[in-house]
């Protein structure tokens, strides 16, 4: 009785772990260079970002068009 319950529970959890590992990598376009993500405040002592602190995302667009990202 308990043996079947353990097997069913194991199979259900194993199924969740297998599907949880899907990682899709998307490559950046060739016209975008120098991608940076950093804190807005410069901390010279240690590279620590506090929880809830805003980050700044910047990159170089080599096409020089007026695009909205």
PDB file of N, CA and C in Angstrom:
ATOM      1  N   UNK A   1       0.823  -1.192   0.000  1.00  0.00           N
ATOM      2  CA  UNK A   1       0.000   0.000   0.000  1.00  0.00           C
ATOM      3  C   UNK A   1       0.866   1.255   0.000  1.00  0.00           C
ATOM      4  N   UNK A   2       1.780   1.342   0.967  1.00  0.00           N
ATOM      5  CA  UNK A   2       2.649   2.513   1.049  1.00  0.00           C
ATOM      6  C   UNK A   2       3.658   2.537  -0.098  1.00  0.00           C
ATOM      7  N   UNK A   3       4.000   1.349  -0.590  1.00  0.00           N
ATOM      8  CA  UNK A   3       4.966   1.245  -1.674  1.00  0.00           C
ATOM      9  C   UNK A   3       4.447   1.955  -2.921  1.00  0.00           C
ATOM     10  N   UNK A   4       3.189   1.767  -3.257  1.00  0.00           N
ATOM     11  CA  UNK A   4       2.598   2.421  -4.429  1.00  0.00           C
ATOM     12  C   UNK A   4       2.524   3.935  -4.233  1.00  0.00           C
ATOM     13  N   UNK A   5       2.217   4.364  -3.039  1.00  0.00           N
ATOM     14  CA  UNK A   5       2.145   5.795  -2.748  1.00  0.00           C
ATOM     15  C   UNK A   5       3.512   6.448  -2.920  1.00  0.00           C
ATOM     16  N   UNK A   6       4.557   5.796  -2.444  1.00  0.00           N
ATOM     17  CA  UNK A   6       5.909   6.332  -2.597  1.00  0.00           C
ATOM     18  C   UNK A   6       6.323   6.402  -4.065  1.00  0.00           C
ATOM     19  N   UNK A   7       5.986   5.391  -4.822  1.00  0.00           N
ATOM     20  CA  UNK A   7       6.350   5.384  -6.242  1.00  0.00           C
ATOM     21  C   UNK A   7       5.618   6.490  -6.985  1.00  0.00           C
ATOM     22  N   UNK A   8       4.343   6.664  -6.743  1.00  0.00           N
ATOM     23  CA  UNK A   8       3.569   7.714  -7.413  1.00  0.00           C
ATOM     24  C   UNK A   8       4.101   9.089  -7.026  1.00  0.00           C
ATOM     25  N   UNK A   9       4.394   9.294  -5.760  1.00  0.00           N
ATOM     26  CA  UNK A   9       4.944  10.573  -5.306  1.00  0.00           C
ATOM     27  C   UNK A   9       6.303  10.838  -5.947  1.00  0.00           C
ATOM     28  N   UNK A  10       7.139   9.832  -6.009  1.00  0.00           N
ATOM     29  CA  UNK A  10       8.461   9.984  -6.627  1.00  0.00           C
ATOM     30  C   UNK A  10       8.347  10.346  -8.107  1.00  0.00           C
ATOM     31  N   UNK A  11       7.459   9.682  -8.824  1.00  0.00           N
ATOM     32  CA  UNK A  11       7.290   9.956 -10.257  1.00  0.00           C
ATOM     33  C   UNK A  11       6.762  11.372 -10.469  1.00  0.00           C
ATOM     34  N   UNK A  12       5.846  11.831  -9.642  1.00  0.00           N
ATOM     35  CA  UNK A  12       5.314  13.185  -9.782  1.00  0.00           C
ATOM     36  C   UNK A  12       6.391  14.235  -9.529  1.00  0.00           C
ATOM     37  N   UNK A  13       7.206  14.054  -8.502  1.00  0.00           N
ATOM     38  CA  UNK A  13       8.278  15.006  -8.219  1.00  0.00           C
ATOM     39  C   UNK A  13       9.382  14.942  -9.271  1.00  0.00           C
ATOM     40  N   UNK A  14       9.687  13.761  -9.768  1.00  0.00           N
ATOM     41  CA  UNK A  14      10.694  13.617 -10.812  1.00  0.00           C
ATOM     42  C   UNK A  14      10.258  14.352 -12.071  1.00  0.00           C
ATOM     43  N   UNK A  15       9.003  14.285 -12.387  1.00  0.00           N
ATOM     44  CA  UNK A  15       8.449  14.981 -13.543  1.00  0.00           C
ATOM     45  C   UNK A  15       8.638  16.491 -13.403  1.00  0.00           C
ATOM     46  N   UNK A  16       8.438  17.048 -12.234  1.00  0.00           N
ATOM     47  CA  UNK A  16       8.605  18.481 -12.012  1.00  0.00           C
ATOM     48  C   UNK A  16      10.063  18.900 -12.163  1.00  0.00           C
ATOM     49  N   UNK A  17      10.996  18.095 -11.697  1.00  0.00           N
ATOM     50  CA  UNK A  17      12.411  18.438 -11.804  1.00  0.00           C
ATOM     51  C   UNK A  17      12.898  18.390 -13.248  1.00  0.00           C
ATOM     52  N   UNK A  18      12.393  17.472 -14.026  1.00  0.00           N
ATOM     53  CA  UNK A  18      12.819  17.365 -15.422  1.00  0.00           C
ATOM     54  C   UNK A  18      12.375  18.585 -16.205  1.00  0.00           C
ATOM     55  N   UNK A  19      11.143  19.012 -16.050  1.00  0.00           N
ATOM     56  CA  UNK A  19      10.634  20.146 -16.803  1.00  0.00           C
ATOM     57  C   UNK A  19      11.100  21.484 -16.239  1.00  0.00           C
ATOM     58  N   UNK A  20      11.605  21.513 -15.033  1.00  0.00           N
ATOM     59  CA  UNK A  20      12.067  22.760 -14.435  1.00  0.00           C
ATOM     60  C   UNK A  20      13.430  23.179 -14.976  1.00  0.00           C
ATOM     61  N   UNK A  21      14.119  22.314 -15.695  1.00  0.00           N
ATOM     62  CA  UNK A  21      15.472  22.611 -16.148  1.00  0.00           C
ATOM     63  C   UNK A  21      15.543  23.154 -17.565  1.00  0.00           C
ATOM     64  N   UNK A  22      14.422  23.463 -18.200  1.00  0.00           N
ATOM     65  CA  UNK A  22      14.454  24.021 -19.549  1.00  0.00           C
ATOM     66  C   UNK A  22      14.976  25.446 -19.496  1.00  0.00           C
ATOM     67  N   UNK A  23      16.051  25.703 -20.219  1.00  0.00           N
ATOM     68  CA  UNK A  23      16.658  27.025 -20.250  1.00  0.00           C
ATOM     69  C   UNK A  23      16.865  27.413 -21.705  1.00  0.00           C
ATOM     70  N   UNK A  24      16.171  28.442 -22.143  1.00  0.00           N
ATOM     71  CA  UNK A  24      16.272  28.891 -23.521  1.00  0.00           C
ATOM     72  C   UNK A  24      17.166  30.117 -23.559  1.00  0.00           C
ATOM     73  N   UNK A  25      18.235  30.039 -24.321  1.00  0.00           N
ATOM     74  CA  UNK A  25      19.173  31.148 -24.428  1.00  0.00           C
ATOM     75  C   UNK A  25      18.890  31.913 -25.713  1.00  0.00           C
ATOM     76  N   UNK A  26      18.717  33.218 -25.578  1.00  0.00           N
ATOM     77  CA  UNK A  26      18.457  34.077 -26.726  1.00  0.00           C
ATOM     78  C   UNK A  26      19.683  34.952 -26.935  1.00  0.00           C
ATOM     79  N   UNK A  27      20.251  34.901 -28.119  1.00  0.00           N
ATOM     80  CA  UNK A  27      21.431  35.702 -28.422  1.00  0.00           C
ATOM     81  C   UNK A  27      21.023  37.114 -28.802  1.00  0.00           C
ATOM     82  N   UNK A  28      21.844  38.074 -28.409  1.00  0.00           N
ATOM     83  CA  UNK A  28      21.552  39.469 -28.728  1.00  0.00           C
ATOM     84  C   UNK A  28      21.821  39.716 -30.211  1.00  0.00           C
ATOM     85  N   UNK A  29      21.155  40.691 -30.789  1.00  0.00           N
ATOM     86  CA  UNK A  29      21.401  41.022 -32.199  1.00  0.00           C
ATOM     87  C   UNK A  29      22.831  41.523 -32.408  1.00  0.00           C
ATOM     88  N   UNK A  30      23.315  41.436 -33.633  1.00  0.00           N
ATOM     89  CA  UNK A  30      24.702  41.813 -33.917  1.00  0.00           C
ATOM     90  C   UNK A  30      24.936  43.316 -33.814  1.00  0.00           C
ATOM     91  N   UNK A  31      23.885  44.130 -33.893  1.00  0.00           N
ATOM     92  CA  UNK A  31      24.052  45.581 -33.835  1.00  0.00           C
ATOM     93  C   UNK A  31      24.012  46.132 -32.413  1.00  0.00           C
ATOM     94  N   UNK A  32      23.847  45.285 -31.420  1.00  0.00           N
ATOM     95  CA  UNK A  32      23.872  45.724 -30.022  1.00  0.00           C
ATOM     96  C   UNK A  32      25.164  45.229 -29.382  1.00  0.00           C
ATOM     97  N   UNK A  33      25.929  46.153 -28.820  1.00  0.00           N
ATOM     98  CA  UNK A  33      27.215  45.823 -28.194  1.00  0.00           C
ATOM     99  C   UNK A  33      27.258  46.393 -26.776  1.00  0.00           C
ATOM    100  N   UNK A  34      28.178  45.943 -25.997  1.00  0.00           N
ATOM    101  CA  UNK A  34      28.465  46.460 -24.652  1.00  0.00           C
ATOM    102  C   UNK A  34      27.233  46.518 -23.763  1.00  0.00           C
ATOM    103  N   UNK A  35      26.662  45.398 -23.449  1.00  0.00           N
ATOM    104  CA  UNK A  35      25.493  45.349 -22.574  1.00  0.00           C
ATOM    105  C   UNK A  35      25.964  45.447 -21.125  1.00  0.00           C
ATOM    106  N   UNK A  36      25.375  46.389 -20.359  1.00  0.00           N
ATOM    107  CA  UNK A  36      25.751  46.602 -18.959  1.00  0.00           C
ATOM    108  C   UNK A  36      24.502  46.654 -18.089  1.00  0.00           C
ATOM    109  N   UNK A  37      24.577  46.048 -16.933  1.00  0.00           N
ATOM    110  CA  UNK A  37      23.526  46.106 -15.926  1.00  0.00           C
ATOM    111  C   UNK A  37      24.216  46.399 -14.602  1.00  0.00           C
ATOM    112  N   UNK A  38      23.936  47.567 -14.026  1.00  0.00           N
ATOM    113  CA  UNK A  38      24.616  47.951 -12.789  1.00  0.00           C
ATOM    114  C   UNK A  38      23.682  48.791 -11.927  1.00  0.00           C
ATOM    115  N   UNK A  39      24.085  48.958 -10.680  1.00  0.00           N
ATOM    116  CA  UNK A  39      23.294  49.753  -9.738  1.00  0.00           C
ATOM    117  C   UNK A  39      23.426  51.229 -10.079  1.00  0.00           C
ATOM    118  N   UNK A  40      22.404  52.000  -9.755  1.00  0.00           N
ATOM    119  CA  UNK A  40      22.454  53.438 -10.029  1.00  0.00           C
ATOM    120  C   UNK A  40      23.421  54.152  -9.098  1.00  0.00           C
ATOM    121  N   UNK A  41      23.480  53.706  -7.850  1.00  0.00           N
ATOM    122  CA  UNK A  41      24.431  54.283  -6.901  1.00  0.00           C
ATOM    123  C   UNK A  41      25.764  53.570  -7.058  1.00  0.00           C
ATOM    124  N   UNK A  42      26.831  54.335  -7.104  1.00  0.00           N
ATOM    125  CA  UNK A  42      28.163  53.744  -7.217  1.00  0.00           C
ATOM    126  C   UNK A  42      28.670  53.434  -5.817  1.00  0.00           C
ATOM    127  N   UNK A  43      28.951  52.182  -5.570  1.00  0.00           N
ATOM    128  CA  UNK A  43      29.453  51.734  -4.277  1.00  0.00           C
ATOM    129  C   UNK A  43      30.910  51.322  -4.465  1.00  0.00           C
ATOM    130  N   UNK A  44      31.835  52.145  -3.980  1.00  0.00           N
ATOM    131  CA  UNK A  44      33.262  51.889  -4.167  1.00  0.00           C
ATOM    132  C   UNK A  44      33.801  50.833  -3.202  1.00  0.00           C
ATOM    133  N   UNK A  45      33.071  50.544  -2.141  1.00  0.00           N
ATOM    134  CA  UNK A  45      33.570  49.623  -1.125  1.00  0.00           C
ATOM    135  C   UNK A  45      33.368  48.170  -1.546  1.00  0.00           C
ATOM    136  N   UNK A  46      32.138  47.823  -1.927  1.00  0.00           N
ATOM    137  CA  UNK A  46      31.828  46.441  -2.289  1.00  0.00           C
ATOM    138  C   UNK A  46      30.710  46.430  -3.330  1.00  0.00           C
ATOM    139  N   UNK A  47      30.732  45.482  -4.225  1.00  0.00           N
ATOM    140  CA  UNK A  47      29.683  45.406  -5.248  1.00  0.00           C
ATOM    141  C   UNK A  47      28.399  44.781  -4.695  1.00  0.00           C
ATOM    142  N   UNK A  48      27.723  45.509  -3.819  1.00  0.00           N
ATOM    143  CA  UNK A  48      26.516  45.010  -3.166  1.00  0.00           C
ATOM    144  C   UNK A  48      25.328  45.834  -3.631  1.00  0.00           C
ATOM    145  N   UNK A  49      24.256  45.145  -3.995  1.00  0.00           N
ATOM    146  CA  UNK A  49      23.014  45.806  -4.389  1.00  0.00           C
ATOM    147  C   UNK A  49      21.965  45.428  -3.356  1.00  0.00           C
ATOM    148  N   UNK A  50      21.340  46.417  -2.769  1.00  0.00           N
ATOM    149  CA  UNK A  50      20.324  46.156  -1.750  1.00  0.00           C
ATOM    150  C   UNK A  50      19.027  45.684  -2.392  1.00  0.00           C
ATOM    151  N   UNK A  51      18.258  44.938  -1.644  1.00  0.00           N
ATOM    152  CA  UNK A  51      16.973  44.444  -2.110  1.00  0.00           C
ATOM    153  C   UNK A  51      16.040  45.614  -2.381  1.00  0.00           C
ATOM    154  N   UNK A  52      15.463  45.672  -3.567  1.00  0.00           N
ATOM    155  CA  UNK A  52      14.560  46.746  -3.942  1.00  0.00           C
ATOM    156  C   UNK A  52      15.249  47.924  -4.599  1.00  0.00           C
ATOM    157  N   UNK A  53      16.576  47.919  -4.659  1.00  0.00           N
ATOM    158  CA  UNK A  53      17.311  49.011  -5.283  1.00  0.00           C
ATOM    159  C   UNK A  53      17.175  48.918  -6.803  1.00  0.00           C
ATOM    160  N   UNK A  54      17.079  50.070  -7.451  1.00  0.00           N
ATOM    161  CA  UNK A  54      16.897  50.102  -8.897  1.00  0.00           C
ATOM    162  C   UNK A  54      18.217  49.828  -9.610  1.00  0.00           C
ATOM    163  N   UNK A  55      18.119  49.151 -10.764  1.00  0.00           N
ATOM    164  CA  UNK A  55      19.269  48.862 -11.598  1.00  0.00           C
ATOM    165  C   UNK A  55      19.167  49.655 -12.890  1.00  0.00           C
ATOM    166  N   UNK A  56      20.299  49.927 -13.488  1.00  0.00           N
ATOM    167  CA  UNK A  56      20.328  50.639 -14.763  1.00  0.00           C
ATOM    168  C   UNK A  56      20.847  49.686 -15.837  1.00  0.00           C
ATOM    169  N   UNK A  57      20.090  49.577 -16.939  1.00  0.00           N
ATOM    170  CA  UNK A  57      20.441  48.725 -18.067  1.00  0.00           C
ATOM    171  C   UNK A  57      20.852  49.628 -19.218  1.00  0.00           C
ATOM    172  N   UNK A  58      22.037  49.421 -19.767  1.00  0.00           N
ATOM    173  CA  UNK A  58      22.498  50.255 -20.880  1.00  0.00           C
ATOM    174  C   UNK A  58      23.212  49.388 -21.909  1.00  0.00           C
ATOM    175  N   UNK A  59      23.194  49.861 -23.159  1.00  0.00           N
ATOM    176  CA  UNK A  59      23.861  49.151 -24.243  1.00  0.00           C
ATOM    177  C   UNK A  59      24.143  50.128 -25.372  1.00  0.00           C
ATOM    178  N   UNK A  60      25.030  49.737 -26.273  1.00  0.00           N
ATOM    179  CA  UNK A  60      25.374  50.540 -27.440  1.00  0.00           C
ATOM    180  C   UNK A  60      24.642  49.986 -28.653  1.00  0.00           C
ATOM    181  N   UNK A  61      23.862  50.838 -29.321  1.00  0.00           N
ATOM    182  CA  UNK A  61      23.151  50.458 -30.540  1.00  0.00           C
ATOM    183  C   UNK A  61      23.950  50.991 -31.723  1.00  0.00           C
ATOM    184  N   UNK A  62      24.480  50.103 -32.548  1.00  0.00           N
ATOM    185  CA  UNK A  62      25.347  50.507 -33.648  1.00  0.00           C
ATOM    186  C   UNK A  62      24.588  50.945 -34.898  1.00  0.00           C
ATOM    187  N   UNK A  63      23.271  50.756 -34.942  1.00  0.00           N
ATOM    188  CA  UNK A  63      22.504  51.177 -36.113  1.00  0.00           C
ATOM    189  C   UNK A  63      22.138  52.653 -36.073  1.00  0.00           C
ATOM    190  N   UNK A  64      22.150  53.268 -34.919  1.00  0.00           N
ATOM    191  CA  UNK A  64      21.901  54.704 -34.745  1.00  0.00           C
ATOM    192  C   UNK A  64      20.527  55.147 -35.239  1.00  0.00           C
ATOM    193  N   UNK A  65      19.560  54.298 -35.207  1.00  0.00           N
ATOM    194  CA  UNK A  65      18.192  54.690 -35.546  1.00  0.00           C
ATOM    195  C   UNK A  65      17.482  55.142 -34.280  1.00  0.00           C
ATOM    196  N   UNK A  66      16.400  55.865 -34.454  1.00  0.00           N
ATOM    197  CA  UNK A  66      15.596  56.264 -33.298  1.00  0.00           C
ATOM    198  C   UNK A  66      14.605  55.149 -33.010  1.00  0.00           C
ATOM    199  N   UNK A  67      15.010  54.237 -32.159  1.00  0.00           N
ATOM    200  CA  UNK A  67      14.180  53.089 -31.809  1.00  0.00           C
ATOM    201  C   UNK A  67      13.683  53.240 -30.384  1.00  0.00           C
ATOM    202  N   UNK A  68      12.550  52.648 -30.127  1.00  0.00           N
ATOM    203  CA  UNK A  68      12.014  52.601 -28.768  1.00  0.00           C
ATOM    204  C   UNK A  68      12.181  51.183 -28.254  1.00  0.00           C
ATOM    205  N   UNK A  69      12.918  51.047 -27.156  1.00  0.00           N
ATOM    206  CA  UNK A  69      13.144  49.738 -26.560  1.00  0.00           C
ATOM    207  C   UNK A  69      12.314  49.592 -25.326  1.00  0.00           C
TER     208      UNK A  69
END
